[in-house]
């Protein structure tokens, strides 16, 4: 694998926590608006400086995000924190702009089959539809990020060629998208495949405007994160508690847990600005609200170690 030296890793890393949007959107039971707001507040208190808060997709398709306006209105915004929202079209953008996001997220697949099955149009058509969305957002002073889904593999097509990923990046650049996420949507990627996908995108965007978004379906997300770091990539998406399942692999995990990524990064001596203990507490808190254990191994281990330490300190007292 190329670039194995740890000496050339970036000095700092910026994480976007996507749990309030990507993590919660497929929850079957409605998550109360106040819980979503508190999740954002806990994340920013733990040191997250970029948070994907909600989406403006029709509630017919994503009922969990129907309270988008109430969530945005309830935020206690902190200076220096970027609040992003996902928008599917001009109608979604119009609604989103009224709620003053710092950034909108548009999306396109690197797989024709995925694009056709999910939004019933080709990759080229899907990105062209976003051209007026990007133009209007930027005219309003709102930043634009583009998510490239199925960047390594597709549930319908199988392996996705890096050239296809690069072509999506080229099209995003052409319509004015300022930075892009390279997303392994179904978590099938391994380090060299992820590096090839990133290298294809880096032909169109510089290192400051490319991020990795890895799912942990096959347990490869942290290895893929390290592989991206070795290329100089220093922006990543993750989800506290590992929230957000993979819809194509029953029972499998989805988004890599933010706690696990931060544990790795801190172990490498990289600066994140994030309080890992507070983050682990946040993962445990939201998981409890959803009625399940945290999906973060690092989070569970940290809290278990603390519980043991507390027990030892209070030993003998009944």
C-alpha atoms as a PDB file:
ATOM      1  CA  UNK A   1       0.000   0.000   0.000  1.00  0.00           C
ATOM      2  CA  UNK A   2       1.348   3.426  -0.874  1.00  0.00           C
ATOM      3  CA  UNK A   3       2.336   6.058   1.683  1.00  0.00           C
ATOM      4  CA  UNK A   4       2.838   3.760   4.686  1.00  0.00           C
ATOM      5  CA  UNK A   5       4.972   6.205   6.687  1.00  0.00           C
ATOM      6  CA  UNK A   6       3.175   7.597   9.734  1.00  0.00           C
ATOM      7  CA  UNK A   7       5.613  10.515   9.789  1.00  0.00           C
ATOM      8  CA  UNK A   8       3.733  12.281   6.995  1.00  0.00           C
ATOM      9  CA  UNK A   9       0.265  12.132   8.582  1.00  0.00           C
ATOM     10  CA  UNK A  10      -1.604  15.451   8.831  1.00  0.00           C
ATOM     11  CA  UNK A  11      -1.054  17.257  12.136  1.00  0.00           C
ATOM     12  CA  UNK A  12      -4.747  17.822  12.760  1.00  0.00           C
ATOM     13  CA  UNK A  13      -8.042  16.271  11.736  1.00  0.00           C
ATOM     14  CA  UNK A  14     -11.509  17.764  11.391  1.00  0.00           C
ATOM     15  CA  UNK A  15     -14.534  15.549  11.955  1.00  0.00           C
ATOM     16  CA  UNK A  16     -18.114  16.098  10.851  1.00  0.00           C
ATOM     17  CA  UNK A  17     -20.490  14.225  13.137  1.00  0.00           C
ATOM     18  CA  UNK A  18     -23.479  13.101  11.062  1.00  0.00           C
ATOM     19  CA  UNK A  19     -25.436  11.344  13.812  1.00  0.00           C
ATOM     20  CA  UNK A  20     -28.304  13.875  14.108  1.00  0.00           C
ATOM     21  CA  UNK A  21     -29.087  13.427  10.384  1.00  0.00           C
ATOM     22  CA  UNK A  22     -27.541  10.275   8.901  1.00  0.00           C
ATOM     23  CA  UNK A  23     -27.530   8.493  12.231  1.00  0.00           C
ATOM     24  CA  UNK A  24     -31.187   9.048  13.116  1.00  0.00           C
ATOM     25  CA  UNK A  25     -32.953   9.240   9.751  1.00  0.00           C
ATOM     26  CA  UNK A  26     -33.705   5.501   9.509  1.00  0.00           C
ATOM     27  CA  UNK A  27     -34.901   5.081  13.107  1.00  0.00           C
ATOM     28  CA  UNK A  28     -38.353   3.496  12.980  1.00  0.00           C
ATOM     29  CA  UNK A  29     -39.645   5.088  16.165  1.00  0.00           C
ATOM     30  CA  UNK A  30     -39.948   8.898  16.161  1.00  0.00           C
ATOM     31  CA  UNK A  31     -37.071  10.538  18.023  1.00  0.00           C
ATOM     32  CA  UNK A  32     -38.363  13.566  19.975  1.00  0.00           C
ATOM     33  CA  UNK A  33     -37.264  16.945  18.645  1.00  0.00           C
ATOM     34  CA  UNK A  34     -35.791  17.920  22.005  1.00  0.00           C
ATOM     35  CA  UNK A  35     -33.579  14.801  21.973  1.00  0.00           C
ATOM     36  CA  UNK A  36     -32.229  15.727  18.522  1.00  0.00           C
ATOM     37  CA  UNK A  37     -31.490  19.261  19.705  1.00  0.00           C
ATOM     38  CA  UNK A  38     -29.763  18.021  22.862  1.00  0.00           C
ATOM     39  CA  UNK A  39     -27.671  15.620  20.770  1.00  0.00           C
ATOM     40  CA  UNK A  40     -26.337  18.552  18.743  1.00  0.00           C
ATOM     41  CA  UNK A  41     -25.664  20.530  21.920  1.00  0.00           C
ATOM     42  CA  UNK A  42     -23.800  17.604  23.521  1.00  0.00           C
ATOM     43  CA  UNK A  43     -21.709  17.103  20.384  1.00  0.00           C
ATOM     44  CA  UNK A  44     -20.634  20.734  20.238  1.00  0.00           C
ATOM     45  CA  UNK A  45     -19.920  20.726  23.985  1.00  0.00           C
ATOM     46  CA  UNK A  46     -17.596  17.742  23.369  1.00  0.00           C
ATOM     47  CA  UNK A  47     -15.665  19.806  20.833  1.00  0.00           C
ATOM     48  CA  UNK A  48     -17.247  18.923  17.476  1.00  0.00           C
ATOM     49  CA  UNK A  49     -16.978  21.911  15.150  1.00  0.00           C
ATOM     50  CA  UNK A  50     -18.994  20.494  12.247  1.00  0.00           C
ATOM     51  CA  UNK A  51     -22.350  18.800  12.712  1.00  0.00           C
ATOM     52  CA  UNK A  52     -24.814  17.523  10.110  1.00  0.00           C
ATOM     53  CA  UNK A  53     -28.065  18.460  11.812  1.00  0.00           C
ATOM     54  CA  UNK A  54     -31.031  17.422   9.649  1.00  0.00           C
ATOM     55  CA  UNK A  55     -32.355  17.095   6.115  1.00  0.00           C
ATOM     56  CA  UNK A  56     -35.021  18.789   4.030  1.00  0.00           C
ATOM     57  CA  UNK A  57     -36.176  15.687   2.187  1.00  0.00           C
ATOM     58  CA  UNK A  58     -39.950  15.260   1.950  1.00  0.00           C
ATOM     59  CA  UNK A  59     -41.360  13.783   5.189  1.00  0.00           C
ATOM     60  CA  UNK A  60     -43.185  11.323   2.934  1.00  0.00           C
ATOM     61  CA  UNK A  61     -39.813   9.669   2.270  1.00  0.00           C
ATOM     62  CA  UNK A  62     -37.967  10.422   5.520  1.00  0.00           C
ATOM     63  CA  UNK A  63     -40.562  10.995   8.271  1.00  0.00           C
ATOM     64  CA  UNK A  64     -37.870  11.089  10.978  1.00  0.00           C
ATOM     65  CA  UNK A  65     -36.646  14.436   9.598  1.00  0.00           C
ATOM     66  CA  UNK A  66     -40.103  16.064   9.431  1.00  0.00           C
ATOM     67  CA  UNK A  67     -39.199  18.298  12.408  1.00  0.00           C
ATOM     68  CA  UNK A  68     -36.219  19.865  10.577  1.00  0.00           C
ATOM     69  CA  UNK A  69     -37.371  23.448  11.102  1.00  0.00           C
ATOM     70  CA  UNK A  70     -38.059  22.931  14.809  1.00  0.00           C
ATOM     71  CA  UNK A  71     -34.641  21.336  15.312  1.00  0.00           C
ATOM     72  CA  UNK A  72     -32.837  24.187  13.565  1.00  0.00           C
ATOM     73  CA  UNK A  73     -34.870  26.788  15.470  1.00  0.00           C
ATOM     74  CA  UNK A  74     -34.051  25.121  18.790  1.00  0.00           C
ATOM     75  CA  UNK A  75     -30.277  25.137  18.370  1.00  0.00           C
ATOM     76  CA  UNK A  76     -28.112  27.217  20.675  1.00  0.00           C
ATOM     77  CA  UNK A  77     -25.517  28.009  18.038  1.00  0.00           C
ATOM     78  CA  UNK A  78     -21.904  28.382  19.042  1.00  0.00           C
ATOM     79  CA  UNK A  79     -19.422  30.598  17.216  1.00  0.00           C
ATOM     80  CA  UNK A  80     -17.007  28.491  15.202  1.00  0.00           C
ATOM     81  CA  UNK A  81     -19.408  25.569  14.761  1.00  0.00           C
ATOM     82  CA  UNK A  82     -20.643  24.774  11.241  1.00  0.00           C
ATOM     83  CA  UNK A  83     -24.220  23.456  11.041  1.00  0.00           C
ATOM     84  CA  UNK A  84     -24.945  21.524   7.840  1.00  0.00           C
ATOM     85  CA  UNK A  85     -28.181  20.178   6.366  1.00  0.00           C
ATOM     86  CA  UNK A  86     -28.901  17.856   3.460  1.00  0.00           C
ATOM     87  CA  UNK A  87     -31.132  19.117   0.637  1.00  0.00           C
ATOM     88  CA  UNK A  88     -32.499  17.051  -2.281  1.00  0.00           C
ATOM     89  CA  UNK A  89     -33.767  19.810  -4.604  1.00  0.00           C
ATOM     90  CA  UNK A  90     -34.693  23.489  -4.957  1.00  0.00           C
ATOM     91  CA  UNK A  91     -37.794  23.109  -2.795  1.00  0.00           C
ATOM     92  CA  UNK A  92     -35.665  21.643  -0.024  1.00  0.00           C
ATOM     93  CA  UNK A  93     -33.118  24.425  -0.435  1.00  0.00           C
ATOM     94  CA  UNK A  94     -35.777  27.115  -0.153  1.00  0.00           C
ATOM     95  CA  UNK A  95     -37.006  25.637   3.130  1.00  0.00           C
ATOM     96  CA  UNK A  96     -33.463  25.167   4.414  1.00  0.00           C
ATOM     97  CA  UNK A  97     -32.303  28.710   3.670  1.00  0.00           C
ATOM     98  CA  UNK A  98     -35.045  30.080   5.907  1.00  0.00           C
ATOM     99  CA  UNK A  99     -33.415  28.200   8.785  1.00  0.00           C
ATOM    100  CA  UNK A 100     -29.899  29.640   8.163  1.00  0.00           C
ATOM    101  CA  UNK A 101     -27.618  26.619   7.806  1.00  0.00           C
ATOM    102  CA  UNK A 102     -23.898  27.262   7.343  1.00  0.00           C
ATOM    103  CA  UNK A 103     -23.648  24.558   4.699  1.00  0.00           C
ATOM    104  CA  UNK A 104     -25.900  22.422   2.533  1.00  0.00           C
ATOM    105  CA  UNK A 105     -25.084  18.904   1.387  1.00  0.00           C
ATOM    106  CA  UNK A 106     -26.042  17.619  -2.068  1.00  0.00           C
ATOM    107  CA  UNK A 107     -25.421  14.075  -3.240  1.00  0.00           C
ATOM    108  CA  UNK A 108     -24.613  11.890  -6.216  1.00  0.00           C
ATOM    109  CA  UNK A 109     -23.787   8.212  -6.625  1.00  0.00           C
ATOM    110  CA  UNK A 110     -20.746   6.742  -8.354  1.00  0.00           C
ATOM    111  CA  UNK A 111     -22.962   3.810  -9.429  1.00  0.00           C
ATOM    112  CA  UNK A 112     -25.468   4.135 -12.287  1.00  0.00           C
ATOM    113  CA  UNK A 113     -27.590   1.296 -10.905  1.00  0.00           C
ATOM    114  CA  UNK A 114     -27.749   2.906  -7.468  1.00  0.00           C
ATOM    115  CA  UNK A 115     -28.691   6.264  -8.988  1.00  0.00           C
ATOM    116  CA  UNK A 116     -31.432   4.745 -11.143  1.00  0.00           C
ATOM    117  CA  UNK A 117     -32.911   2.672  -8.323  1.00  0.00           C
ATOM    118  CA  UNK A 118     -32.836   5.413  -5.728  1.00  0.00           C
ATOM    119  CA  UNK A 119     -33.725   8.591  -7.639  1.00  0.00           C
ATOM    120  CA  UNK A 120     -34.747   7.194 -11.026  1.00  0.00           C
ATOM    121  CA  UNK A 121     -32.226   9.091 -13.139  1.00  0.00           C
ATOM    122  CA  UNK A 122     -28.654   8.815 -14.364  1.00  0.00           C
ATOM    123  CA  UNK A 123     -25.640  10.097 -12.447  1.00  0.00           C
ATOM    124  CA  UNK A 124     -25.198  12.938 -14.938  1.00  0.00           C
ATOM    125  CA  UNK A 125     -28.863  13.938 -14.684  1.00  0.00           C
ATOM    126  CA  UNK A 126     -28.831  13.801 -10.881  1.00  0.00           C
ATOM    127  CA  UNK A 127     -25.874  16.163 -10.629  1.00  0.00           C
ATOM    128  CA  UNK A 128     -27.210  18.503 -13.309  1.00  0.00           C
ATOM    129  CA  UNK A 129     -30.418  18.827 -11.277  1.00  0.00           C
ATOM    130  CA  UNK A 130     -28.321  20.141  -8.403  1.00  0.00           C
ATOM    131  CA  UNK A 131     -26.724  22.910 -10.499  1.00  0.00           C
ATOM    132  CA  UNK A 132     -29.401  25.550  -9.662  1.00  0.00           C
ATOM    133  CA  UNK A 133     -29.441  24.375  -6.031  1.00  0.00           C
ATOM    134  CA  UNK A 134     -25.691  24.945  -5.726  1.00  0.00           C
ATOM    135  CA  UNK A 135     -25.905  28.280  -7.539  1.00  0.00           C
ATOM    136  CA  UNK A 136     -28.668  29.626  -5.290  1.00  0.00           C
ATOM    137  CA  UNK A 137     -27.050  28.372  -2.086  1.00  0.00           C
ATOM    138  CA  UNK A 138     -23.743  30.013  -2.878  1.00  0.00           C
ATOM    139  CA  UNK A 139     -25.489  33.227  -3.924  1.00  0.00           C
ATOM    140  CA  UNK A 140     -27.071  33.214  -0.452  1.00  0.00           C
ATOM    141  CA  UNK A 141     -23.635  32.842   1.152  1.00  0.00           C
ATOM    142  CA  UNK A 142     -24.151  29.208   2.154  1.00  0.00           C
ATOM    143  CA  UNK A 143     -21.320  26.713   1.611  1.00  0.00           C
ATOM    144  CA  UNK A 144     -21.931  23.567  -0.473  1.00  0.00           C
ATOM    145  CA  UNK A 145     -20.597  20.070   0.137  1.00  0.00           C
ATOM    146  CA  UNK A 146     -21.180  17.146  -2.216  1.00  0.00           C
ATOM    147  CA  UNK A 147     -21.478  13.543  -0.998  1.00  0.00           C
ATOM    148  CA  UNK A 148     -20.321  10.851  -3.437  1.00  0.00           C
ATOM    149  CA  UNK A 149     -22.107   7.652  -2.409  1.00  0.00           C
ATOM    150  CA  UNK A 150     -21.119   4.092  -3.380  1.00  0.00           C
ATOM    151  CA  UNK A 151     -17.544   5.304  -3.949  1.00  0.00           C
ATOM    152  CA  UNK A 152     -16.044   1.841  -3.490  1.00  0.00           C
ATOM    153  CA  UNK A 153     -18.900  -0.611  -3.970  1.00  0.00           C
ATOM    154  CA  UNK A 154     -22.592  -0.786  -4.851  1.00  0.00           C
ATOM    155  CA  UNK A 155     -25.268  -3.229  -3.635  1.00  0.00           C
ATOM    156  CA  UNK A 156     -26.448  -3.662  -7.241  1.00  0.00           C
ATOM    157  CA  UNK A 157     -23.296  -3.350  -9.363  1.00  0.00           C
ATOM    158  CA  UNK A 158     -20.600  -4.660  -7.032  1.00  0.00           C
ATOM    159  CA  UNK A 159     -17.183  -3.005  -7.219  1.00  0.00           C
ATOM    160  CA  UNK A 160     -17.100   0.599  -8.472  1.00  0.00           C
ATOM    161  CA  UNK A 161     -14.173   1.758 -10.611  1.00  0.00           C
ATOM    162  CA  UNK A 162     -12.175   4.737  -9.282  1.00  0.00           C
ATOM    163  CA  UNK A 163     -12.640   6.500 -12.650  1.00  0.00           C
ATOM    164  CA  UNK A 164     -16.392   6.604 -11.984  1.00  0.00           C
ATOM    165  CA  UNK A 165     -15.762   8.271  -8.628  1.00  0.00           C
ATOM    166  CA  UNK A 166     -13.461  10.802 -10.257  1.00  0.00           C
ATOM    167  CA  UNK A 167     -16.115  11.580 -12.867  1.00  0.00           C
ATOM    168  CA  UNK A 168     -18.670  12.408 -10.156  1.00  0.00           C
ATOM    169  CA  UNK A 169     -16.105  14.690  -8.502  1.00  0.00           C
ATOM    170  CA  UNK A 170     -15.450  16.390 -11.847  1.00  0.00           C
ATOM    171  CA  UNK A 171     -19.176  17.002 -12.348  1.00  0.00           C
ATOM    172  CA  UNK A 172     -19.579  18.339  -8.807  1.00  0.00           C
ATOM    173  CA  UNK A 173     -16.667  20.721  -9.354  1.00  0.00           C
ATOM    174  CA  UNK A 174     -18.230  21.908 -12.613  1.00  0.00           C
ATOM    175  CA  UNK A 175     -21.476  22.987 -10.909  1.00  0.00           C
ATOM    176  CA  UNK A 176     -19.685  24.811  -8.071  1.00  0.00           C
ATOM    177  CA  UNK A 177     -19.615  22.266  -5.236  1.00  0.00           C
ATOM    178  CA  UNK A 178     -16.832  23.442  -2.918  1.00  0.00           C
ATOM    179  CA  UNK A 179     -15.811  20.214  -1.191  1.00  0.00           C
ATOM    180  CA  UNK A 180     -16.695  16.538  -1.459  1.00  0.00           C
ATOM    181  CA  UNK A 181     -17.154  13.452   0.715  1.00  0.00           C
ATOM    182  CA  UNK A 182     -15.995  10.084  -0.574  1.00  0.00           C
ATOM    183  CA  UNK A 183     -18.491   7.690   1.001  1.00  0.00           C
ATOM    184  CA  UNK A 184     -18.180   3.906   1.231  1.00  0.00           C
ATOM    185  CA  UNK A 185     -21.953   3.624   1.616  1.00  0.00           C
ATOM    186  CA  UNK A 186     -22.118  -0.142   2.159  1.00  0.00           C
ATOM    187  CA  UNK A 187     -18.804  -0.505   3.968  1.00  0.00           C
ATOM    188  CA  UNK A 188     -17.172  -2.948   1.542  1.00  0.00           C
ATOM    189  CA  UNK A 189     -13.991  -0.928   1.042  1.00  0.00           C
ATOM    190  CA  UNK A 190     -10.509  -2.003   2.070  1.00  0.00           C
ATOM    191  CA  UNK A 191      -7.541   0.360   2.409  1.00  0.00           C
ATOM    192  CA  UNK A 192      -6.063   0.205  -1.090  1.00  0.00           C
ATOM    193  CA  UNK A 193      -9.483   0.422  -2.773  1.00  0.00           C
ATOM    194  CA  UNK A 194     -10.329   3.441  -0.621  1.00  0.00           C
ATOM    195  CA  UNK A 195      -7.012   5.092  -1.517  1.00  0.00           C
ATOM    196  CA  UNK A 196      -7.709   4.583  -5.232  1.00  0.00           C
ATOM    197  CA  UNK A 197     -11.136   6.198  -4.904  1.00  0.00           C
ATOM    198  CA  UNK A 198      -9.660   9.139  -2.990  1.00  0.00           C
ATOM    199  CA  UNK A 199      -6.826   9.544  -5.500  1.00  0.00           C
ATOM    200  CA  UNK A 200      -9.411   9.784  -8.297  1.00  0.00           C
ATOM    201  CA  UNK A 201     -11.177  12.597  -6.443  1.00  0.00           C
ATOM    202  CA  UNK A 202      -7.909  14.347  -5.592  1.00  0.00           C
ATOM    203  CA  UNK A 203      -7.398  14.885  -9.317  1.00  0.00           C
ATOM    204  CA  UNK A 204     -10.236  17.448  -9.063  1.00  0.00           C
ATOM    205  CA  UNK A 205     -10.152  18.739  -5.456  1.00  0.00           C
ATOM    206  CA  UNK A 206      -7.229  19.506  -3.154  1.00  0.00           C
ATOM    207  CA  UNK A 207      -6.623  17.772   0.183  1.00  0.00           C
ATOM    208  CA  UNK A 208      -8.382  20.502   2.158  1.00  0.00           C
ATOM    209  CA  UNK A 209     -11.631  19.874   0.281  1.00  0.00           C
ATOM    210  CA  UNK A 210     -11.875  16.072   0.278  1.00  0.00           C
ATOM    211  CA  UNK A 211     -13.183  13.952   3.148  1.00  0.00           C
ATOM    212  CA  UNK A 212     -13.699  10.275   3.892  1.00  0.00           C
ATOM    213  CA  UNK A 213     -17.002   8.809   5.056  1.00  0.00           C
ATOM    214  CA  UNK A 214     -16.551   5.145   5.963  1.00  0.00           C
ATOM    215  CA  UNK A 215     -19.047   2.542   7.108  1.00  0.00           C
ATOM    216  CA  UNK A 216     -17.921  -0.308   9.332  1.00  0.00           C
ATOM    217  CA  UNK A 217     -20.037  -3.113   7.867  1.00  0.00           C
ATOM    218  CA  UNK A 218     -17.025  -5.398   7.397  1.00  0.00           C
ATOM    219  CA  UNK A 219     -14.937  -3.897  10.201  1.00  0.00           C
ATOM    220  CA  UNK A 220     -12.698  -1.916   7.843  1.00  0.00           C
ATOM    221  CA  UNK A 221     -13.596   1.689   8.688  1.00  0.00           C
ATOM    222  CA  UNK A 222     -10.634   2.472  10.968  1.00  0.00           C
ATOM    223  CA  UNK A 223      -8.167   0.817   8.591  1.00  0.00           C
ATOM    224  CA  UNK A 224      -9.679   2.870   5.784  1.00  0.00           C
ATOM    225  CA  UNK A 225      -9.396   6.016   7.896  1.00  0.00           C
ATOM    226  CA  UNK A 226      -5.686   5.367   8.410  1.00  0.00           C
ATOM    227  CA  UNK A 227      -5.263   4.696   4.679  1.00  0.00           C
ATOM    228  CA  UNK A 228      -6.890   8.061   3.922  1.00  0.00           C
ATOM    229  CA  UNK A 229      -4.684   9.814   6.490  1.00  0.00           C
ATOM    230  CA  UNK A 230      -1.627   8.353   4.755  1.00  0.00           C
ATOM    231  CA  UNK A 231      -2.702  10.184   1.592  1.00  0.00           C
ATOM    232  CA  UNK A 232      -2.937  13.438   3.575  1.00  0.00           C
ATOM    233  CA  UNK A 233      -6.746  13.495   3.839  1.00  0.00           C
ATOM    234  CA  UNK A 234      -7.658  15.174   7.130  1.00  0.00           C
ATOM    235  CA  UNK A 235     -11.463  15.578   6.970  1.00  0.00           C
ATOM    236  CA  UNK A 236     -13.789  12.717   7.917  1.00  0.00           C
ATOM    237  CA  UNK A 237     -17.451  12.015   8.650  1.00  0.00           C
ATOM    238  CA  UNK A 238     -18.500   9.757  11.502  1.00  0.00           C
ATOM    239  CA  UNK A 239     -21.456   9.186  13.803  1.00  0.00           C
ATOM    240  CA  UNK A 240     -21.433   9.161  17.595  1.00  0.00           C
ATOM    241  CA  UNK A 241     -22.339   5.743  18.967  1.00  0.00           C
ATOM    242  CA  UNK A 242     -22.027   4.328  15.441  1.00  0.00           C
ATOM    243  CA  UNK A 243     -25.602   5.463  14.785  1.00  0.00           C
ATOM    244  CA  UNK A 244     -26.987   4.778  11.322  1.00  0.00           C
ATOM    245  CA  UNK A 245     -27.307   1.205  10.152  1.00  0.00           C
ATOM    246  CA  UNK A 246     -26.435  -0.142   6.727  1.00  0.00           C
ATOM    247  CA  UNK A 247     -29.729  -0.925   4.939  1.00  0.00           C
ATOM    248  CA  UNK A 248     -28.086  -3.452   2.602  1.00  0.00           C
ATOM    249  CA  UNK A 249     -26.523  -5.764   5.183  1.00  0.00           C
ATOM    250  CA  UNK A 250     -29.058  -6.963   7.737  1.00  0.00           C
ATOM    251  CA  UNK A 251     -27.810  -6.599  11.288  1.00  0.00           C
ATOM    252  CA  UNK A 252     -24.553  -4.980  10.209  1.00  0.00           C
ATOM    253  CA  UNK A 253     -23.178  -1.731  11.540  1.00  0.00           C
ATOM    254  CA  UNK A 254     -23.219   1.391   9.432  1.00  0.00           C
ATOM    255  CA  UNK A 255     -21.379   4.641  10.106  1.00  0.00           C
ATOM    256  CA  UNK A 256     -18.078   4.338  11.913  1.00  0.00           C
ATOM    257  CA  UNK A 257     -18.396   5.590  15.490  1.00  0.00           C
ATOM    258  CA  UNK A 258     -16.949   9.030  16.135  1.00  0.00           C
ATOM    259  CA  UNK A 259     -15.525   7.805  19.464  1.00  0.00           C
ATOM    260  CA  UNK A 260     -13.594   5.025  17.701  1.00  0.00           C
ATOM    261  CA  UNK A 261     -12.163   7.435  15.124  1.00  0.00           C
ATOM    262  CA  UNK A 262     -11.134   9.932  17.821  1.00  0.00           C
ATOM    263  CA  UNK A 263      -9.484   7.157  19.872  1.00  0.00           C
ATOM    264  CA  UNK A 264      -7.450   6.201  16.792  1.00  0.00           C
ATOM    265  CA  UNK A 265      -6.535   9.805  15.987  1.00  0.00           C
ATOM    266  CA  UNK A 266      -5.499  10.643  19.536  1.00  0.00           C
ATOM    267  CA  UNK A 267      -3.441   7.442  19.618  1.00  0.00           C
ATOM    268  CA  UNK A 268      -1.619   8.711  16.524  1.00  0.00           C
ATOM    269  CA  UNK A 269      -0.938  12.018  18.284  1.00  0.00           C
ATOM    270  CA  UNK A 270      -3.255  13.991  15.990  1.00  0.00           C
ATOM    271  CA  UNK A 271      -5.169  17.041  17.185  1.00  0.00           C
ATOM    272  CA  UNK A 272      -8.975  16.866  16.953  1.00  0.00           C
ATOM    273  CA  UNK A 273     -10.066  19.412  19.571  1.00  0.00           C
ATOM    274  CA  UNK A 274     -12.508  16.785  20.874  1.00  0.00           C
ATOM    275  CA  UNK A 275     -12.987  15.614  24.476  1.00  0.00           C
ATOM    276  CA  UNK A 276     -13.165  11.822  24.089  1.00  0.00           C
ATOM    277  CA  UNK A 277     -14.720  11.220  27.525  1.00  0.00           C
ATOM    278  CA  UNK A 278     -17.530  13.691  26.835  1.00  0.00           C
ATOM    279  CA  UNK A 279     -18.003  12.145  23.409  1.00  0.00           C
ATOM    280  CA  UNK A 280     -18.286   8.634  24.888  1.00  0.00           C
ATOM    281  CA  UNK A 281     -20.867   9.926  27.368  1.00  0.00           C
ATOM    282  CA  UNK A 282     -22.830  11.452  24.477  1.00  0.00           C
ATOM    283  CA  UNK A 283     -22.763   8.154  22.564  1.00  0.00           C
ATOM    284  CA  UNK A 284     -24.009   6.278  25.617  1.00  0.00           C
ATOM    285  CA  UNK A 285     -26.700   8.899  26.260  1.00  0.00           C
ATOM    286  CA  UNK A 286     -28.211   8.879  22.756  1.00  0.00           C
ATOM    287  CA  UNK A 287     -27.979   5.075  22.536  1.00  0.00           C
ATOM    288  CA  UNK A 288     -29.891   4.792  25.817  1.00  0.00           C
ATOM    289  CA  UNK A 289     -32.557   7.150  24.441  1.00  0.00           C
ATOM    290  CA  UNK A 290     -32.883   4.817  21.443  1.00  0.00           C
ATOM    291  CA  UNK A 291     -33.063   1.740  23.656  1.00  0.00           C
ATOM    292  CA  UNK A 292     -29.831   0.045  22.631  1.00  0.00           C
ATOM    293  CA  UNK A 293     -26.185  -0.192  23.679  1.00  0.00           C
ATOM    294  CA  UNK A 294     -23.685   2.157  22.073  1.00  0.00           C
ATOM    295  CA  UNK A 295     -22.198   0.878  18.821  1.00  0.00           C
ATOM    296  CA  UNK A 296     -18.817   2.365  19.724  1.00  0.00           C
ATOM    297  CA  UNK A 297     -16.246  -0.106  21.030  1.00  0.00           C
ATOM    298  CA  UNK A 298     -13.984   2.677  22.278  1.00  0.00           C
ATOM    299  CA  UNK A 299     -16.920   4.439  23.936  1.00  0.00           C
ATOM    300  CA  UNK A 300     -18.068   1.302  25.746  1.00  0.00           C
ATOM    301  CA  UNK A 301     -14.524   0.450  26.853  1.00  0.00           C
ATOM    302  CA  UNK A 302     -13.805   3.944  28.170  1.00  0.00           C
ATOM    303  CA  UNK A 303     -16.997   4.072  30.206  1.00  0.00           C
ATOM    304  CA  UNK A 304     -16.511   0.512  31.504  1.00  0.00           C
ATOM    305  CA  UNK A 305     -12.959   1.363  32.590  1.00  0.00           C
ATOM    306  CA  UNK A 306     -14.230   4.455  34.374  1.00  0.00           C
ATOM    307  CA  UNK A 307     -16.947   2.438  36.121  1.00  0.00           C
ATOM    308  CA  UNK A 308     -14.350  -0.089  37.327  1.00  0.00           C
ATOM    309  CA  UNK A 309     -12.108   2.734  38.578  1.00  0.00           C
ATOM    310  CA  UNK A 310     -15.010   4.322  40.431  1.00  0.00           C
ATOM    311  CA  UNK A 311     -15.861   0.961  41.980  1.00  0.00           C
ATOM    312  CA  UNK A 312     -12.279   0.428  43.107  1.00  0.00           C
ATOM    313  CA  UNK A 313     -12.106   3.895  44.642  1.00  0.00           C
ATOM    314  CA  UNK A 314     -15.254   3.274  46.578  1.00  0.00           C
ATOM    315  CA  UNK A 315     -14.437  -0.355  47.407  1.00  0.00           C
ATOM    316  CA  UNK A 316     -15.758  -1.628  50.729  1.00  0.00           C
ATOM    317  CA  UNK A 317     -18.389   1.094  51.048  1.00  0.00           C
ATOM    318  CA  UNK A 318     -21.901  -0.340  50.874  1.00  0.00           C
END
